[in-house]
Amino acid sequence: MSTKLTPKIILEGTRLTQKTDLAFALNEHPRIVGPRRYRYHSPLVSAEWCAFTDFPWGRGPVNYAPEEEAVALETYATWARLFELNRYYSWIVDRFHVSTQVYQRQARGAAPDFAWLERRLRPLGFRHVLCWRRPETFEAARAERLKVSGNPRQYDDLGPFIREQELYRSVVRASALPHLELDVSDGDVARAADRIADWLEATGGLSSPWGV
């Protein structure tokens, strides 16, 4: 029997770093989830879902208000328990607790502690992929995003995204989870997915720590 593929990848990074496109590509990548002869449902998780408000682009586990912190932390604990119960599965996560740390630090000067969460994620084999791009490439990335964005004004000022990258880098490097820093400046999603597959293969990140 071949080894079961159960990668657990958390994609992090500022806006316009192709995290969501990459999440979909990873979830159909034959070296990461195996060959697929037909399409079926795959788990794509995101803490960026604006699930705390009943209007678009509202608040959620990343950008929660101070009075919603307990709800946000319980959400993360719930995801952690689901991951633990379904450990022999592949999970692709588009933004998670690092995005929360970055947002809350910038918006409120807060420093939510997620050491407890990483102590639960690490034994399951979770890893960070930090997506970043060279500053001079943000303009072209914005032009592409504006073709499809339902909220284009959020991209009026690229400066915060460029500055935010260093904060993401510092938080990811301080994490207890293994990480890969992935340059997506060329916009080639397929190539980026291949690089993640290479890294996972080289570091044992494609299968469960317990075997099959």
Protein backbone atom coordinates (compact mmCIF):
# COMPACT_ATOMS: atom_id res chain seq x y z
CA MET A 1 0.00 0.00 0.00
CA SER A 2 1.32 3.43 -0.90
CA THR A 3 1.71 6.10 1.77
CA LYS A 4 -1.47 8.05 2.37
CA LEU A 5 -1.11 11.75 1.57
CA THR A 6 -2.25 13.86 4.53
CA PRO A 7 -0.49 17.25 4.25
CA LYS A 8 -1.54 20.04 6.59
CA ILE A 9 -0.63 23.45 5.19
CA ILE A 10 -1.40 26.92 6.55
CA LEU A 11 -0.96 29.66 3.94
CA GLU A 12 -0.16 33.06 5.43
CA GLY A 13 0.79 36.45 4.07
CA THR A 14 -0.54 39.91 3.33
CA ARG A 15 -3.08 40.77 0.63
CA LEU A 16 -2.27 40.14 -3.03
CA THR A 17 0.10 37.24 -2.34
CA GLN A 18 -2.11 34.68 -4.13
CA LYS A 19 -2.88 32.60 -1.04
CA THR A 20 -6.38 31.64 -2.13
CA ASP A 21 -5.37 30.75 -5.70
CA LEU A 22 -2.56 28.70 -4.24
CA ALA A 23 -4.92 26.96 -1.80
CA PHE A 24 -7.09 25.74 -4.66
CA ALA A 25 -4.04 24.67 -6.65
CA LEU A 26 -2.63 22.71 -3.71
CA ASN A 27 -5.95 20.97 -3.16
CA GLU A 28 -5.76 19.53 -6.67
CA HIS A 29 -2.02 18.94 -6.88
CA PRO A 30 -1.29 15.26 -7.58
CA ARG A 31 1.93 15.28 -5.57
CA ILE A 32 0.16 16.77 -2.55
CA VAL A 33 -3.28 15.16 -2.48
CA GLY A 34 -2.81 12.42 -5.07
CA PRO A 35 -4.16 12.06 -8.63
CA ARG A 36 -7.84 12.83 -9.07
CA ARG A 37 -9.90 11.27 -11.80
CA TYR A 38 -12.91 13.35 -10.84
CA ARG A 39 -13.55 16.43 -8.71
CA TYR A 40 -14.87 16.10 -5.18
CA HIS A 41 -15.20 18.20 -2.05
CA SER A 42 -11.94 19.11 -0.33
CA PRO A 43 -11.43 20.86 2.99
CA LEU A 44 -10.42 24.48 2.52
CA VAL A 45 -10.43 26.34 5.82
CA SER A 46 -10.02 30.07 6.40
CA ALA A 47 -10.01 32.27 9.49
CA GLU A 48 -10.67 35.20 7.15
CA TRP A 49 -14.32 34.26 6.79
CA CYS A 50 -16.31 37.24 8.09
CA ALA A 51 -18.50 35.03 10.26
CA PHE A 52 -19.08 37.38 13.20
CA THR A 53 -21.19 39.94 11.33
CA ASP A 54 -24.21 39.80 9.04
CA PHE A 55 -22.76 42.13 6.40
CA PRO A 56 -20.04 41.65 3.77
CA TRP A 57 -16.38 42.24 4.70
CA GLY A 58 -17.26 42.24 8.35
CA ARG A 59 -15.43 40.79 11.34
CA GLY A 60 -14.25 37.27 12.04
CA PRO A 61 -11.49 35.35 13.82
CA VAL A 62 -8.77 37.53 12.23
CA ASN A 63 -10.19 41.04 12.71
CA TYR A 64 -12.44 40.49 15.71
CA ALA A 65 -13.39 43.36 18.02
CA PRO A 66 -12.10 43.27 21.63
CA GLU A 67 -15.44 42.04 22.94
CA GLU A 68 -15.34 39.17 20.41
CA GLU A 69 -11.96 37.79 21.44
CA ALA A 70 -13.44 34.90 23.43
CA VAL A 71 -15.52 33.88 20.41
CA ALA A 72 -12.45 34.03 18.16
CA LEU A 73 -10.38 31.88 20.51
CA GLU A 74 -13.18 29.37 20.85
CA THR A 75 -13.37 29.21 17.05
CA TYR A 76 -9.68 28.33 16.87
CA ALA A 77 -10.09 25.73 19.62
CA THR A 78 -12.98 24.20 17.69
CA TRP A 79 -10.90 23.97 14.51
CA ALA A 80 -8.04 22.44 16.49
CA ARG A 81 -10.33 19.77 17.89
CA LEU A 82 -11.71 19.02 14.42
CA PHE A 83 -8.16 18.64 13.09
CA GLU A 84 -7.31 16.30 15.96
CA LEU A 85 -10.35 14.16 15.33
CA ASN A 86 -9.63 14.05 11.58
CA ARG A 87 -5.85 13.75 11.71
CA TYR A 88 -5.57 11.32 8.81
CA TYR A 89 -6.82 13.87 6.31
CA SER A 90 -5.34 16.63 4.21
CA TRP A 91 -6.05 20.19 5.36
CA ILE A 92 -5.31 23.35 3.40
CA VAL A 93 -5.83 26.54 5.44
CA ASP A 94 -5.98 29.99 3.80
CA ARG A 95 -5.02 32.35 6.68
CA PHE A 96 -5.12 31.27 10.30
CA HIS A 97 -3.78 32.44 13.66
CA VAL A 98 -0.71 34.26 12.28
CA SER A 99 -3.04 36.59 10.38
CA THR A 100 -4.90 37.19 13.63
CA GLN A 101 -1.68 38.05 15.45
CA VAL A 102 -0.62 40.45 12.70
CA TYR A 103 -4.00 42.17 12.45
CA GLN A 104 -4.55 42.52 16.18
CA ARG A 105 -1.03 43.83 16.75
CA GLN A 106 -1.46 46.51 14.09
CA ALA A 107 -5.06 47.45 14.86
CA ARG A 108 -5.03 47.37 18.67
CA GLY A 109 -1.47 46.82 19.81
CA ALA A 110 -2.70 43.48 21.16
CA ALA A 111 -0.66 40.29 21.26
CA PRO A 112 -2.98 37.28 21.43
CA ASP A 113 -1.10 34.19 22.60
CA PHE A 114 -1.50 31.18 20.34
CA ALA A 115 1.20 28.99 21.88
CA TRP A 116 -1.56 26.66 23.09
CA LEU A 117 -2.87 26.31 19.54
CA GLU A 118 0.53 25.56 18.05
CA ARG A 119 1.14 22.92 20.73
CA ARG A 120 -1.92 21.15 19.32
CA LEU A 121 -1.16 21.75 15.64
CA ARG A 122 2.51 20.73 15.60
CA PRO A 123 1.99 17.04 16.53
CA LEU A 124 -0.57 16.81 13.72
CA GLY A 125 2.03 17.89 11.17
CA PHE A 126 0.81 21.42 10.42
CA ARG A 127 3.23 23.75 8.62
CA HIS A 128 3.25 27.40 7.62
CA VAL A 129 3.83 28.61 4.07
CA LEU A 130 4.50 32.36 4.17
CA CYS A 131 3.64 33.90 0.80
CA TRP A 132 5.40 37.15 0.02
CA ARG A 133 6.25 39.26 -3.02
CA ARG A 134 8.81 41.88 -3.92
CA PRO A 135 7.49 45.42 -3.30
CA GLU A 136 7.74 46.46 -6.94
CA THR A 137 5.36 43.65 -7.98
CA PHE A 138 2.37 44.74 -5.87
CA GLU A 139 1.15 47.20 -8.50
CA ALA A 140 0.74 44.50 -11.13
CA ALA A 141 -0.88 42.19 -8.59
CA ARG A 142 -3.40 44.91 -7.73
CA ALA A 143 -4.26 45.41 -11.41
CA GLU A 144 -5.10 41.73 -11.71
CA ARG A 145 -7.15 41.70 -8.50
CA LEU A 146 -9.22 44.73 -9.53
CA LYS A 147 -10.56 42.71 -12.46
CA VAL A 148 -12.48 40.48 -10.05
CA SER A 149 -12.67 42.25 -6.68
CA GLY A 150 -16.03 43.08 -5.18
CA ASN A 151 -14.38 45.56 -2.79
CA PRO A 152 -11.71 47.36 -4.84
CA ARG A 153 -11.22 50.27 -2.41
CA GLN A 154 -9.32 47.99 -0.03
CA TYR A 155 -6.47 48.06 -2.54
CA ASP A 156 -6.23 51.85 -2.92
CA ASP A 157 -3.11 52.07 -0.76
CA LEU A 158 -0.51 49.34 -1.24
CA GLY A 159 1.86 50.74 1.38
CA PRO A 160 0.33 48.89 4.35
CA PHE A 161 0.55 45.57 2.53
CA ILE A 162 4.21 46.11 1.70
CA ARG A 163 5.07 47.08 5.26
CA GLU A 164 2.98 44.29 6.72
CA GLN A 165 5.11 41.64 5.08
CA GLU A 166 7.92 42.11 7.58
CA LEU A 167 5.55 41.67 10.50
CA TYR A 168 4.25 38.45 8.97
CA ARG A 169 7.81 37.26 8.55
CA SER A 170 8.71 37.96 12.17
CA VAL A 171 5.60 36.21 13.51
CA VAL A 172 6.06 33.14 11.32
CA ARG A 173 9.74 32.86 12.21
CA ALA A 174 8.81 32.94 15.91
CA SER A 175 6.22 30.19 15.44
CA ALA A 176 6.73 26.67 16.76
CA LEU A 177 5.55 25.26 13.42
CA PRO A 178 7.94 24.51 10.53
CA HIS A 179 7.71 27.10 7.78
CA LEU A 180 8.60 27.88 4.17
CA GLU A 181 8.99 31.45 2.90
CA LEU A 182 7.65 31.42 -0.64
CA ASP A 183 8.31 34.21 -3.14
CA VAL A 184 5.22 34.57 -5.37
CA SER A 185 6.44 37.67 -7.21
CA ASP A 186 6.30 36.00 -10.64
CA GLY A 187 2.58 35.22 -10.30
CA ASP A 188 3.08 31.60 -11.36
CA VAL A 189 0.70 29.69 -9.07
CA ALA A 190 1.49 26.27 -10.56
CA ARG A 191 5.19 26.79 -10.03
CA ALA A 192 4.60 27.96 -6.45
CA ALA A 193 2.54 24.83 -5.76
CA ASP A 194 5.37 22.68 -7.14
CA ARG A 195 7.83 24.38 -4.80
CA ILE A 196 5.60 23.62 -1.84
CA ALA A 197 5.36 19.99 -2.97
CA ASP A 198 9.16 19.83 -3.22
CA TRP A 199 9.50 21.18 0.32
CA LEU A 200 6.92 18.82 1.76
CA GLU A 201 8.55 15.83 0.07
CA ALA A 202 12.00 16.82 1.31
CA THR A 203 10.88 17.37 4.90
CA GLY A 204 8.35 14.56 5.40
CA GLY A 205 5.34 16.84 5.36
CA LEU A 206 3.13 14.81 3.03
CA SER A 207 2.13 12.06 5.43
CA SER A 208 0.96 11.74 9.00
CA PRO A 209 3.59 11.67 11.75
CA TRP A 210 2.06 8.34 12.83
CA GLY A 211 2.11 6.65 9.43
CA VAL A 212 -1.00 5.11 7.88
